[in-house]
Amino acid sequence: MAGRSVNRQALYDEIEPEIAKWKSAAFLAAMDAARLPGGKVNEIPEALSHPQLVHRELVQELARDDGTKVKFVGFPSKFSKTPPNYRLAPPRFGEDTNAVLQELLGMPQADIDALRERGVVADKF
């Protein structure tokens, strides 16, 4: 398994400039004509307006504690007797890190700060 990714970056360096020359629809059509599997990776607005999600009423919206509204994809299964209950908006990146490390793992703040300094724990992308 380790050998599978040894040359990954070199492969990306070769493939990415070639793929970048294509418009996605033309690239997908060429892949389909060559009988190669593939599909478009949607950006978030495209994904949230996808007809399948709209039809199944899967796009949910909740407000965070500061009032910011957040759209997200809800639970995909529909249960008549136990429908999903959405109470909290998805957290911001790193929003719950301190609580998890302190409350669940019992880590002191100094240790968490040291992890942040070393880049092990991040609050932002």
C-alpha atoms as a PDB file:
ATOM      1  CA  MET A   1       0.000   0.000   0.000  1.00  0.00           C
ATOM      2  CA  ALA A   2       2.769   2.459   0.826  1.00  0.00           C
ATOM      3  CA  GLY A   3       4.150   2.206  -2.696  1.00  0.00           C
ATOM      4  CA  ARG A   4       0.849   3.236  -4.255  1.00  0.00           C
ATOM      5  CA  SER A   5       1.333   6.891  -3.390  1.00  0.00           C
ATOM      6  CA  VAL A   6       5.100   7.259  -3.769  1.00  0.00           C
ATOM      7  CA  ASN A   7       4.771   8.947  -7.170  1.00  0.00           C
ATOM      8  CA  ARG A   8       1.389  10.559  -6.625  1.00  0.00           C
ATOM      9  CA  GLN A   9       2.627  14.155  -6.854  1.00  0.00           C
ATOM     10  CA  ALA A  10       4.615  13.409 -10.027  1.00  0.00           C
ATOM     11  CA  LEU A  11       1.467  11.903 -11.558  1.00  0.00           C
ATOM     12  CA  TYR A  12      -0.584  14.948 -10.558  1.00  0.00           C
ATOM     13  CA  ASP A  13       2.067  17.226 -12.044  1.00  0.00           C
ATOM     14  CA  GLU A  14       1.653  15.440 -15.388  1.00  0.00           C
ATOM     15  CA  ILE A  15      -2.121  15.094 -15.417  1.00  0.00           C
ATOM     16  CA  GLU A  16      -3.358  18.405 -13.984  1.00  0.00           C
ATOM     17  CA  PRO A  17      -2.090  20.683 -16.808  1.00  0.00           C
ATOM     18  CA  GLU A  18      -3.711  18.411 -19.388  1.00  0.00           C
ATOM     19  CA  ILE A  19      -7.044  18.246 -17.588  1.00  0.00           C
ATOM     20  CA  ALA A  20      -7.020  22.026 -17.083  1.00  0.00           C
ATOM     21  CA  LYS A  21      -7.211  22.501 -20.877  1.00  0.00           C
ATOM     22  CA  TRP A  22     -10.715  21.028 -20.962  1.00  0.00           C
ATOM     23  CA  LYS A  23     -14.145  22.407 -20.104  1.00  0.00           C
ATOM     24  CA  SER A  24     -15.764  19.957 -17.700  1.00  0.00           C
ATOM     25  CA  ALA A  25     -18.685  19.012 -19.998  1.00  0.00           C
ATOM     26  CA  ALA A  26     -16.330  18.241 -22.899  1.00  0.00           C
ATOM     27  CA  PHE A  27     -13.982  16.301 -20.638  1.00  0.00           C
ATOM     28  CA  LEU A  28     -16.817  14.201 -19.241  1.00  0.00           C
ATOM     29  CA  ALA A  29     -18.148  13.560 -22.764  1.00  0.00           C
ATOM     30  CA  ALA A  30     -14.673  12.418 -23.883  1.00  0.00           C
ATOM     31  CA  MET A  31     -14.395  10.141 -20.872  1.00  0.00           C
ATOM     32  CA  ASP A  32     -17.837   8.714 -21.579  1.00  0.00           C
ATOM     33  CA  ALA A  33     -16.911   8.134 -25.252  1.00  0.00           C
ATOM     34  CA  ALA A  34     -13.766   6.308 -24.094  1.00  0.00           C
ATOM     35  CA  ARG A  35     -15.937   4.289 -21.677  1.00  0.00           C
ATOM     36  CA  LEU A  36     -14.072   5.646 -18.653  1.00  0.00           C
ATOM     37  CA  PRO A  37     -15.984   6.176 -15.404  1.00  0.00           C
ATOM     38  CA  GLY A  38     -16.129   9.692 -14.048  1.00  0.00           C
ATOM     39  CA  GLY A  39     -18.339  12.504 -12.942  1.00  0.00           C
ATOM     40  CA  LYS A  40     -18.318  16.174 -12.127  1.00  0.00           C
ATOM     41  CA  VAL A  41     -17.489  17.258  -8.597  1.00  0.00           C
ATOM     42  CA  ASN A  42     -20.049  19.927  -7.810  1.00  0.00           C
ATOM     43  CA  GLU A  43     -19.254  23.098  -5.951  1.00  0.00           C
ATOM     44  CA  ILE A  44     -21.380  23.730  -2.865  1.00  0.00           C
ATOM     45  CA  PRO A  45     -24.058  25.925  -4.547  1.00  0.00           C
ATOM     46  CA  GLU A  46     -24.440  23.342  -7.339  1.00  0.00           C
ATOM     47  CA  ALA A  47     -24.664  20.489  -4.864  1.00  0.00           C
ATOM     48  CA  LEU A  48     -27.293  22.241  -2.747  1.00  0.00           C
ATOM     49  CA  SER A  49     -29.457  22.977  -5.805  1.00  0.00           C
ATOM     50  CA  HIS A  50     -29.108  19.494  -7.308  1.00  0.00           C
ATOM     51  CA  PRO A  51     -32.562  18.293  -8.452  1.00  0.00           C
ATOM     52  CA  GLN A  52     -32.288  15.071  -6.434  1.00  0.00           C
ATOM     53  CA  LEU A  53     -31.653  16.983  -3.193  1.00  0.00           C
ATOM     54  CA  VAL A  54     -34.397  19.480  -3.936  1.00  0.00           C
ATOM     55  CA  HIS A  55     -36.930  16.755  -4.774  1.00  0.00           C
ATOM     56  CA  ARG A  56     -36.142  14.801  -1.592  1.00  0.00           C
ATOM     57  CA  GLU A  57     -36.186  18.019   0.482  1.00  0.00           C
ATOM     58  CA  LEU A  58     -32.737  17.245   1.872  1.00  0.00           C
ATOM     59  CA  VAL A  59     -31.356  20.782   1.986  1.00  0.00           C
ATOM     60  CA  GLN A  60     -31.781  22.092   5.515  1.00  0.00           C
ATOM     61  CA  GLU A  61     -31.010  25.510   6.988  1.00  0.00           C
ATOM     62  CA  LEU A  62     -30.235  26.468  10.570  1.00  0.00           C
ATOM     63  CA  ALA A  63     -28.841  29.588  12.188  1.00  0.00           C
ATOM     64  CA  ARG A  64     -25.630  29.582  14.194  1.00  0.00           C
ATOM     65  CA  ASP A  65     -25.435  31.324  17.561  1.00  0.00           C
ATOM     66  CA  ASP A  66     -24.413  34.579  15.832  1.00  0.00           C
ATOM     67  CA  GLY A  67     -27.443  34.438  13.496  1.00  0.00           C
ATOM     68  CA  THR A  68     -25.506  33.293  10.407  1.00  0.00           C
ATOM     69  CA  LYS A  69     -27.715  30.965   8.387  1.00  0.00           C
ATOM     70  CA  VAL A  70     -26.074  27.759   7.204  1.00  0.00           C
ATOM     71  CA  LYS A  71     -27.429  25.410   4.555  1.00  0.00           C
ATOM     72  CA  PHE A  72     -26.487  21.748   4.728  1.00  0.00           C
ATOM     73  CA  VAL A  73     -27.529  18.372   3.399  1.00  0.00           C
ATOM     74  CA  GLY A  74     -29.766  16.579   5.843  1.00  0.00           C
ATOM     75  CA  PHE A  75     -30.038  12.909   6.699  1.00  0.00           C
ATOM     76  CA  PRO A  76     -30.650  11.022   3.430  1.00  0.00           C
ATOM     77  CA  SER A  77     -33.100   8.389   4.708  1.00  0.00           C
ATOM     78  CA  LYS A  78     -36.765   9.141   5.303  1.00  0.00           C
ATOM     79  CA  PHE A  79     -38.346   7.428   8.302  1.00  0.00           C
ATOM     80  CA  SER A  80     -42.054   8.030   8.889  1.00  0.00           C
ATOM     81  CA  LYS A  81     -41.981   7.264  12.611  1.00  0.00           C
ATOM     82  CA  THR A  82     -38.580   8.741  13.460  1.00  0.00           C
ATOM     83  CA  PRO A  83     -37.822  11.726  11.215  1.00  0.00           C
ATOM     84  CA  PRO A  84     -34.477  13.443  11.757  1.00  0.00           C
ATOM     85  CA  ASN A  85     -34.392  16.340  14.173  1.00  0.00           C
ATOM     86  CA  TYR A  86     -31.999  19.171  13.334  1.00  0.00           C
ATOM     87  CA  ARG A  87     -31.178  21.269  16.399  1.00  0.00           C
ATOM     88  CA  LEU A  88     -27.696  22.701  15.818  1.00  0.00           C
ATOM     89  CA  ALA A  89     -26.100  24.215  12.750  1.00  0.00           C
ATOM     90  CA  PRO A  90     -22.896  22.526  11.562  1.00  0.00           C
ATOM     91  CA  PRO A  91     -19.957  23.892  13.562  1.00  0.00           C
ATOM     92  CA  ARG A  92     -17.313  26.155  12.096  1.00  0.00           C
ATOM     93  CA  PHE A  93     -13.942  24.562  11.408  1.00  0.00           C
ATOM     94  CA  GLY A  94     -12.226  23.999  14.754  1.00  0.00           C
ATOM     95  CA  GLU A  95     -15.148  25.416  16.738  1.00  0.00           C
ATOM     96  CA  ASP A  96     -15.335  22.458  19.117  1.00  0.00           C
ATOM     97  CA  THR A  97     -11.656  21.516  19.233  1.00  0.00           C
ATOM     98  CA  ASN A  98     -10.964  22.875  22.712  1.00  0.00           C
ATOM     99  CA  ALA A  99     -14.095  21.296  24.173  1.00  0.00           C
ATOM    100  CA  VAL A 100     -13.253  17.892  22.720  1.00  0.00           C
ATOM    101  CA  LEU A 101      -9.638  17.964  23.805  1.00  0.00           C
ATOM    102  CA  GLN A 102     -10.322  19.385  27.264  1.00  0.00           C
ATOM    103  CA  GLU A 103     -13.626  17.832  28.266  1.00  0.00           C
ATOM    104  CA  LEU A 104     -13.485  14.470  26.528  1.00  0.00           C
ATOM    105  CA  LEU A 105      -9.745  13.803  26.597  1.00  0.00           C
ATOM    106  CA  GLY A 106      -8.838  15.766  29.716  1.00  0.00           C
ATOM    107  CA  MET A 107      -6.033  17.749  28.038  1.00  0.00           C
ATOM    108  CA  PRO A 108      -4.799  20.885  29.761  1.00  0.00           C
ATOM    109  CA  GLN A 109      -4.911  24.123  27.746  1.00  0.00           C
ATOM    110  CA  ALA A 110      -1.105  24.356  27.701  1.00  0.00           C
ATOM    111  CA  ASP A 111      -0.889  21.002  25.880  1.00  0.00           C
ATOM    112  CA  ILE A 112      -3.548  22.103  23.366  1.00  0.00           C
ATOM    113  CA  ASP A 113      -1.632  25.347  22.744  1.00  0.00           C
ATOM    114  CA  ALA A 114       1.544  23.329  22.161  1.00  0.00           C
ATOM    115  CA  LEU A 115      -0.283  21.175  19.612  1.00  0.00           C
ATOM    116  CA  ARG A 116      -1.473  24.322  17.823  1.00  0.00           C
ATOM    117  CA  GLU A 117       2.055  25.751  17.738  1.00  0.00           C
ATOM    118  CA  ARG A 118       3.337  22.524  16.169  1.00  0.00           C
ATOM    119  CA  GLY A 119       0.522  22.556  13.588  1.00  0.00           C
ATOM    120  CA  VAL A 120      -1.042  19.350  14.912  1.00  0.00           C
ATOM    121  CA  VAL A 121      -4.291  21.138  15.784  1.00  0.00           C
ATOM    122  CA  ALA A 122      -5.662  23.889  13.570  1.00  0.00           C
ATOM    123  CA  ASP A 123      -8.452  26.437  13.932  1.00  0.00           C
ATOM    124  CA  LYS A 124      -8.461  27.462  10.269  1.00  0.00           C
ATOM    125  CA  PHE A 125      -7.763  25.956   6.893  1.00  0.00           C
END
